[in-house]
Protein backbone atom coordinates (compact mmCIF):
# COMPACT_ATOMS: atom_id res chain seq x y z
CA MET A 1 -15.22 -16.36 6.76
CA LYS A 2 -18.00 -14.50 8.39
CA PRO A 3 -15.99 -13.49 11.36
CA TYR A 4 -13.16 -11.90 9.45
CA TRP A 5 -16.12 -10.20 6.79
CA ALA A 6 -17.97 -9.31 10.05
CA ILE A 7 -14.29 -7.78 11.59
CA LEU A 8 -13.53 -5.80 7.86
CA SER A 9 -16.73 -4.57 7.22
CA ALA A 10 -17.61 -3.15 11.52
CA ARG A 11 -14.12 -1.28 10.92
CA PHE A 12 -14.18 -0.24 7.17
CA ARG A 13 -17.69 1.19 8.09
CA MET A 14 -15.73 3.05 11.44
CA LEU A 15 -13.44 4.41 9.43
CA LEU A 16 -15.52 5.49 6.64
CA GLN A 17 -16.75 8.00 9.29
CA TYR A 18 -13.22 10.46 8.53
CA ARG A 19 -14.50 12.70 5.49
CA ALA A 20 -13.14 15.72 7.00
CA ALA A 21 -9.78 14.75 6.87
CA ALA A 22 -10.26 12.77 3.62
CA VAL A 23 -11.14 16.30 1.89
CA ALA A 24 -7.74 17.37 4.17
CA GLY A 25 -5.97 14.42 2.84
CA LEU A 26 -7.76 15.03 -1.03
CA ALA A 27 -6.05 18.43 -1.04
CA THR A 28 -2.76 17.63 0.29
CA GLN A 29 -2.26 15.06 -2.07
CA VAL A 30 -3.36 16.88 -4.87
CA PHE A 31 -0.13 19.74 -4.00
CA TRP A 32 1.87 17.55 -4.23
CA GLY A 33 0.83 15.54 -7.45
CA LEU A 34 1.32 19.40 -8.71
CA ILE A 35 4.26 19.61 -7.29
CA ARG A 36 5.41 16.11 -8.58
CA MET A 37 4.28 17.11 -12.21
CA MET A 38 6.09 19.86 -11.84
CA ILE A 39 9.26 18.36 -10.83
CA PHE A 40 9.27 15.39 -14.00
CA GLY A 41 8.47 18.81 -16.29
CA ALA A 42 11.49 20.41 -15.97
CA PHE A 43 13.37 16.79 -16.23
CA TYR A 44 11.66 15.99 -19.36
CA ALA A 45 11.86 19.10 -20.96
CA SER A 46 16.01 19.37 -19.48
CA THR A 47 17.08 16.40 -21.65
CA THR A 48 16.61 14.84 -25.18
CA ALA A 49 17.97 11.19 -24.43
CA ALA A 50 14.79 8.68 -24.40
CA GLN A 51 13.08 7.60 -21.60
CA PRO A 52 11.48 4.61 -21.09
CA MET A 53 7.96 6.72 -19.82
CA SER A 54 6.51 9.39 -21.70
CA TYR A 55 5.66 11.71 -19.95
CA ALA A 56 2.06 11.44 -20.57
CA GLN A 57 3.15 8.25 -18.77
CA VAL A 58 4.61 10.00 -15.90
CA VAL A 59 1.66 12.28 -15.66
CA THR A 60 -0.66 9.22 -15.20
CA TYR A 61 1.51 7.26 -13.27
CA ILE A 62 1.43 10.83 -10.79
CA TRP A 63 -1.61 10.97 -10.38
CA LEU A 64 -2.79 7.35 -10.03
CA GLY A 65 -0.12 7.07 -7.07
CA GLN A 66 -1.95 9.68 -5.91
CA ALA A 67 -5.25 8.77 -5.94
CA LEU A 68 -3.44 5.10 -4.43
CA LEU A 69 -1.47 6.72 -2.01
CA ARG A 70 -3.79 4.99 1.23
CA MET A 71 -2.77 1.60 0.01
CA ILE A 72 0.79 2.28 1.11
CA LEU A 73 2.02 0.51 4.75
CA TRP A 74 1.59 3.91 6.99
CA GLY A 75 3.36 1.47 9.63
CA TYR A 76 0.87 0.03 12.29
CA ASP A 77 -2.00 -0.94 14.24
CA VAL A 78 -2.71 2.41 17.06
CA ASP A 79 -5.12 0.24 18.45
CA VAL A 80 -3.66 -2.29 18.92
CA ARG A 81 -0.51 -0.95 20.31
CA ASN A 82 -2.60 0.96 22.78
CA MET A 83 -3.85 -2.60 23.54
CA ILE A 84 0.39 -4.50 23.92
CA ARG A 85 0.82 -0.79 26.47
CA SER A 86 -1.38 -1.46 28.69
CA GLY A 87 -2.04 -5.38 29.06
CA THR A 88 -5.18 -5.14 27.07
CA LEU A 89 -3.90 -7.81 24.76
CA ALA A 90 -4.55 -10.68 26.83
CA TYR A 91 -8.55 -9.85 25.75
CA GLU A 92 -7.57 -10.38 21.98
CA MET A 93 -6.21 -13.40 22.73
CA LEU A 94 -9.28 -14.38 23.92
CA ARG A 95 -10.95 -14.08 20.47
CA PRO A 96 -12.78 -17.59 19.33
CA VAL A 97 -10.81 -16.48 15.81
CA PRO A 98 -6.86 -16.96 14.76
CA LEU A 99 -5.24 -13.24 16.03
CA TYR A 100 -3.11 -12.95 12.71
CA TRP A 101 -6.33 -12.96 10.62
CA PHE A 102 -8.22 -10.95 13.13
CA TRP A 103 -5.58 -7.96 12.84
CA TYR A 104 -4.96 -8.86 8.84
CA ALA A 105 -8.63 -7.79 8.51
CA ARG A 106 -8.10 -4.97 10.32
CA SER A 107 -4.90 -3.84 8.26
CA MET A 108 -7.04 -4.84 5.10
CA ALA A 109 -9.72 -2.28 6.51
CA SER A 110 -7.88 0.37 7.46
CA LEU A 111 -6.09 0.44 3.72
CA MET A 112 -9.21 0.37 1.76
CA ALA A 113 -11.60 2.89 3.90
CA PRO A 114 -9.21 5.84 3.35
CA THR A 115 -7.83 5.07 0.01
CA LEU A 116 -12.11 4.44 -1.52
CA LEU A 117 -12.83 8.12 0.29
CA ARG A 118 -9.78 10.09 -1.50
CA ALA A 119 -9.67 7.53 -4.91
CA VAL A 120 -12.36 8.11 -6.90
CA PRO A 121 -12.48 12.11 -6.45
CA MET A 122 -8.72 12.79 -6.78
CA LEU A 123 -9.47 10.20 -9.93
CA ILE A 124 -12.06 13.02 -11.28
CA LEU A 125 -10.11 15.43 -10.60
CA ALA A 126 -6.55 14.56 -11.97
CA GLY A 127 -9.02 12.85 -14.95
CA LEU A 128 -10.67 16.09 -16.08
CA PHE A 129 -7.79 19.08 -14.72
CA PHE A 130 -4.24 17.64 -14.37
CA GLY A 131 -4.02 14.87 -17.12
CA LEU A 132 -4.25 12.16 -15.78
CA GLY A 133 -4.52 9.79 -19.04
CA PRO A 134 -7.34 6.39 -20.01
CA PRO A 135 -5.98 2.81 -19.29
CA ALA A 136 -3.92 1.56 -22.35
CA SER A 137 -6.58 -0.30 -23.13
CA TRP A 138 -9.51 -2.04 -21.96
CA GLY A 139 -7.44 -5.79 -21.14
CA ALA A 140 -4.76 -2.99 -19.10
CA LEU A 141 -7.79 -1.85 -16.92
CA GLY A 142 -8.67 -5.19 -16.52
CA ALA A 143 -5.72 -6.23 -15.54
CA PHE A 144 -4.44 -2.93 -13.06
CA ALA A 145 -7.68 -3.80 -11.30
CA VAL A 146 -6.72 -7.56 -10.47
CA SER A 147 -3.44 -6.29 -9.82
CA ILE A 148 -4.69 -3.57 -7.06
CA GLY A 149 -6.53 -6.70 -5.19
CA ALA A 150 -2.68 -8.37 -5.10
CA SER A 151 -1.47 -4.68 -3.86
CA LEU A 152 -4.09 -4.40 -1.05
CA LEU A 153 -3.37 -8.34 0.43
CA LEU A 154 1.01 -7.39 0.92
CA SER A 155 0.01 -4.27 1.95
CA ALA A 156 -1.76 -5.22 4.36
CA ALA A 157 0.02 -7.92 4.95
CA ILE A 158 3.70 -6.09 5.37
CA SER A 159 1.28 -3.60 7.77
CA THR A 160 0.24 -6.55 9.88
CA LEU A 161 3.69 -7.60 10.01
CA LEU A 162 4.84 -4.66 11.34
CA THR A 163 2.13 -4.39 14.06
CA ILE A 164 2.87 -8.01 15.08
CA THR A 165 6.67 -6.39 15.69
CA LEU A 166 5.34 -4.26 18.73
CA LEU A 167 5.15 -7.35 20.84
CA TRP A 168 8.84 -6.91 21.77
CA THR A 169 9.30 -3.03 20.15
CA ILE A 170 6.05 -1.70 22.72
CA SER A 171 7.06 1.42 20.40
CA GLY A 172 7.61 0.21 16.75
CA ASP A 173 8.74 4.19 15.77
CA GLY A 174 12.18 2.81 14.71
CA ILE A 175 11.39 -0.18 12.75
CA ARG A 176 8.19 2.07 10.72
CA SER A 177 10.29 4.73 9.98
CA LEU A 178 12.85 2.27 8.47
CA ILE A 179 9.85 0.45 6.23
CA SER A 180 8.15 3.45 5.23
CA ALA A 181 11.51 4.60 3.76
CA ALA A 182 12.10 1.84 2.06
CA VAL A 183 8.38 1.59 0.72
CA TRP A 184 8.31 5.23 -0.21
CA LEU A 185 12.11 4.63 -2.26
CA PHE A 186 11.45 1.32 -3.49
CA SER A 187 7.70 1.01 -4.13
CA GLY A 188 8.04 3.89 -6.97
CA ILE A 189 5.65 6.52 -5.25
CA MET A 190 8.30 8.81 -4.94
CA VAL A 191 10.30 8.47 -8.45
CA PRO A 192 8.50 6.10 -11.46
CA LEU A 193 10.58 2.52 -10.94
CA PRO A 194 10.95 2.25 -14.65
CA LEU A 195 12.99 5.77 -14.34
CA PHE A 196 15.47 4.14 -12.31
CA PRO A 197 18.90 3.04 -13.84
CA GLU A 198 19.17 -0.02 -15.56
CA TRP A 199 21.79 -1.57 -12.54
CA ALA A 200 19.33 -1.17 -10.20
CA GLN A 201 16.35 -2.54 -12.12
CA THR A 202 17.23 -6.53 -11.16
CA VAL A 203 17.11 -5.47 -7.53
CA LEU A 204 13.95 -3.66 -7.81
CA ARG A 205 11.86 -6.50 -9.83
CA VAL A 206 12.90 -9.04 -6.34
CA LEU A 207 11.97 -6.37 -3.19
CA PRO A 208 7.99 -7.04 -3.02
CA PHE A 209 7.50 -2.97 -2.51
CA ARG A 210 7.03 -2.47 -6.49
CA GLY A 211 3.88 -4.93 -5.98
CA ILE A 212 2.20 -2.36 -4.00
CA PHE A 213 2.31 0.47 -6.74
CA ASP A 214 4.27 0.18 -9.27
CA THR A 215 2.69 -3.56 -10.83
CA PRO A 216 -0.33 -1.34 -11.07
CA LEU A 217 0.53 1.11 -12.95
CA GLN A 218 2.32 0.05 -14.88
CA LEU A 219 -0.53 -2.63 -16.30
CA TYR A 220 -2.18 0.32 -16.19
CA THR A 221 -0.63 2.37 -18.56
CA GLY A 222 0.29 -0.46 -20.74
CA LEU A 223 4.17 -0.37 -19.38
CA ILE A 224 3.49 -3.61 -18.37
CA PRO A 225 1.36 -5.55 -21.15
CA ALA A 226 -1.32 -6.90 -20.18
CA GLY A 227 -1.01 -10.11 -21.88
CA GLN A 228 2.03 -10.63 -19.49
CA ILE A 229 -0.01 -10.39 -15.94
CA ILE A 230 0.93 -13.70 -14.85
CA GLY A 231 4.63 -12.34 -13.96
CA PRO A 232 3.91 -9.82 -12.42
CA LEU A 233 0.69 -10.71 -10.08
CA LEU A 234 2.82 -14.02 -9.06
CA HIS A 235 5.74 -11.36 -7.86
CA GLN A 236 2.56 -9.09 -5.85
CA LEU A 237 1.29 -13.42 -4.59
CA ALA A 238 4.29 -14.67 -3.27
CA TRP A 239 5.57 -11.87 -1.32
CA ALA A 240 1.94 -11.64 -0.01
CA ALA A 241 2.09 -15.31 1.19
CA ALA A 242 5.79 -15.44 2.80
CA LEU A 243 4.83 -12.41 4.08
CA VAL A 244 1.18 -14.01 5.37
CA ALA A 245 4.01 -17.05 7.19
CA LEU A 246 6.35 -14.74 8.76
CA GLY A 247 3.50 -12.68 9.64
CA ARG A 248 1.36 -15.72 11.44
CA PHE A 249 5.21 -17.34 12.30
CA VAL A 250 6.44 -14.75 14.17
CA LEU A 251 2.96 -13.56 15.86
CA SER A 252 2.54 -17.41 17.59
CA ARG A 253 6.59 -16.84 18.94
CA GLY A 254 5.51 -14.17 20.09
CA THR A 255 2.23 -15.39 21.93
CA ARG A 256 3.84 -17.88 24.20
CA ARG A 257 6.60 -15.74 24.91
CA LEU A 258 3.83 -12.62 25.86
CA VAL A 259 3.71 -11.82 29.75
CA VAL A 260 1.46 -9.19 30.83
CA GLN A 261 1.79 -6.96 34.20
CA GLY A 262 -1.17 -5.68 36.26
CA GLY A 263 -4.94 -6.73 35.87
């Protein structure tokens, strides 16, 4: 574990240096959070039908999503893409650690550092001024924390798999756009999943994307009771394990057929 911890720690510390980008991102996320509040506020003001979430729960859901926005996968590892294009990927393959876990540790750091820089001030601002509510209970807070850890594992697995596809696509922009669109729509970051129609809920419960955002956010707000965490947590971990296995298989196939030109 020491090599992977060293990789994660080194990249984490490097990414923490981008404080100006974090401040700019924080301002952008506050702006869009306020826009989303107004949209859902107008929706709740215009209907008398019973909704699966109260407006206060939606507001909390929105601000938690904005705080954790960098947990969403934004695509492949740009450094690895440049290595593939230049041929220096050959040096990566000579490292005395499995290549998959090396890239997986990089993905985890790339998700954790920007999230940490933005989430803390975002939660403070939202709690003081924008209506972010407290967790439904202490148990809900604990379940939320555990689920966030599983979300990180799942998101890193998807991001690493996208990075591996660069061995075939080189550019990767097409598949990144497709997967990113699916994540935005089906993870709950755009529209809270409980507000989707009932006929869509069965599919949404099966897809892995809800495990990135919706599961921890529902645990925090109490929409999923803390005592029922086992099922949602197993859903997150099972998808993370499946995507890790798929990523390792695809990488092994790719490296066996890899041809590096130049030198």
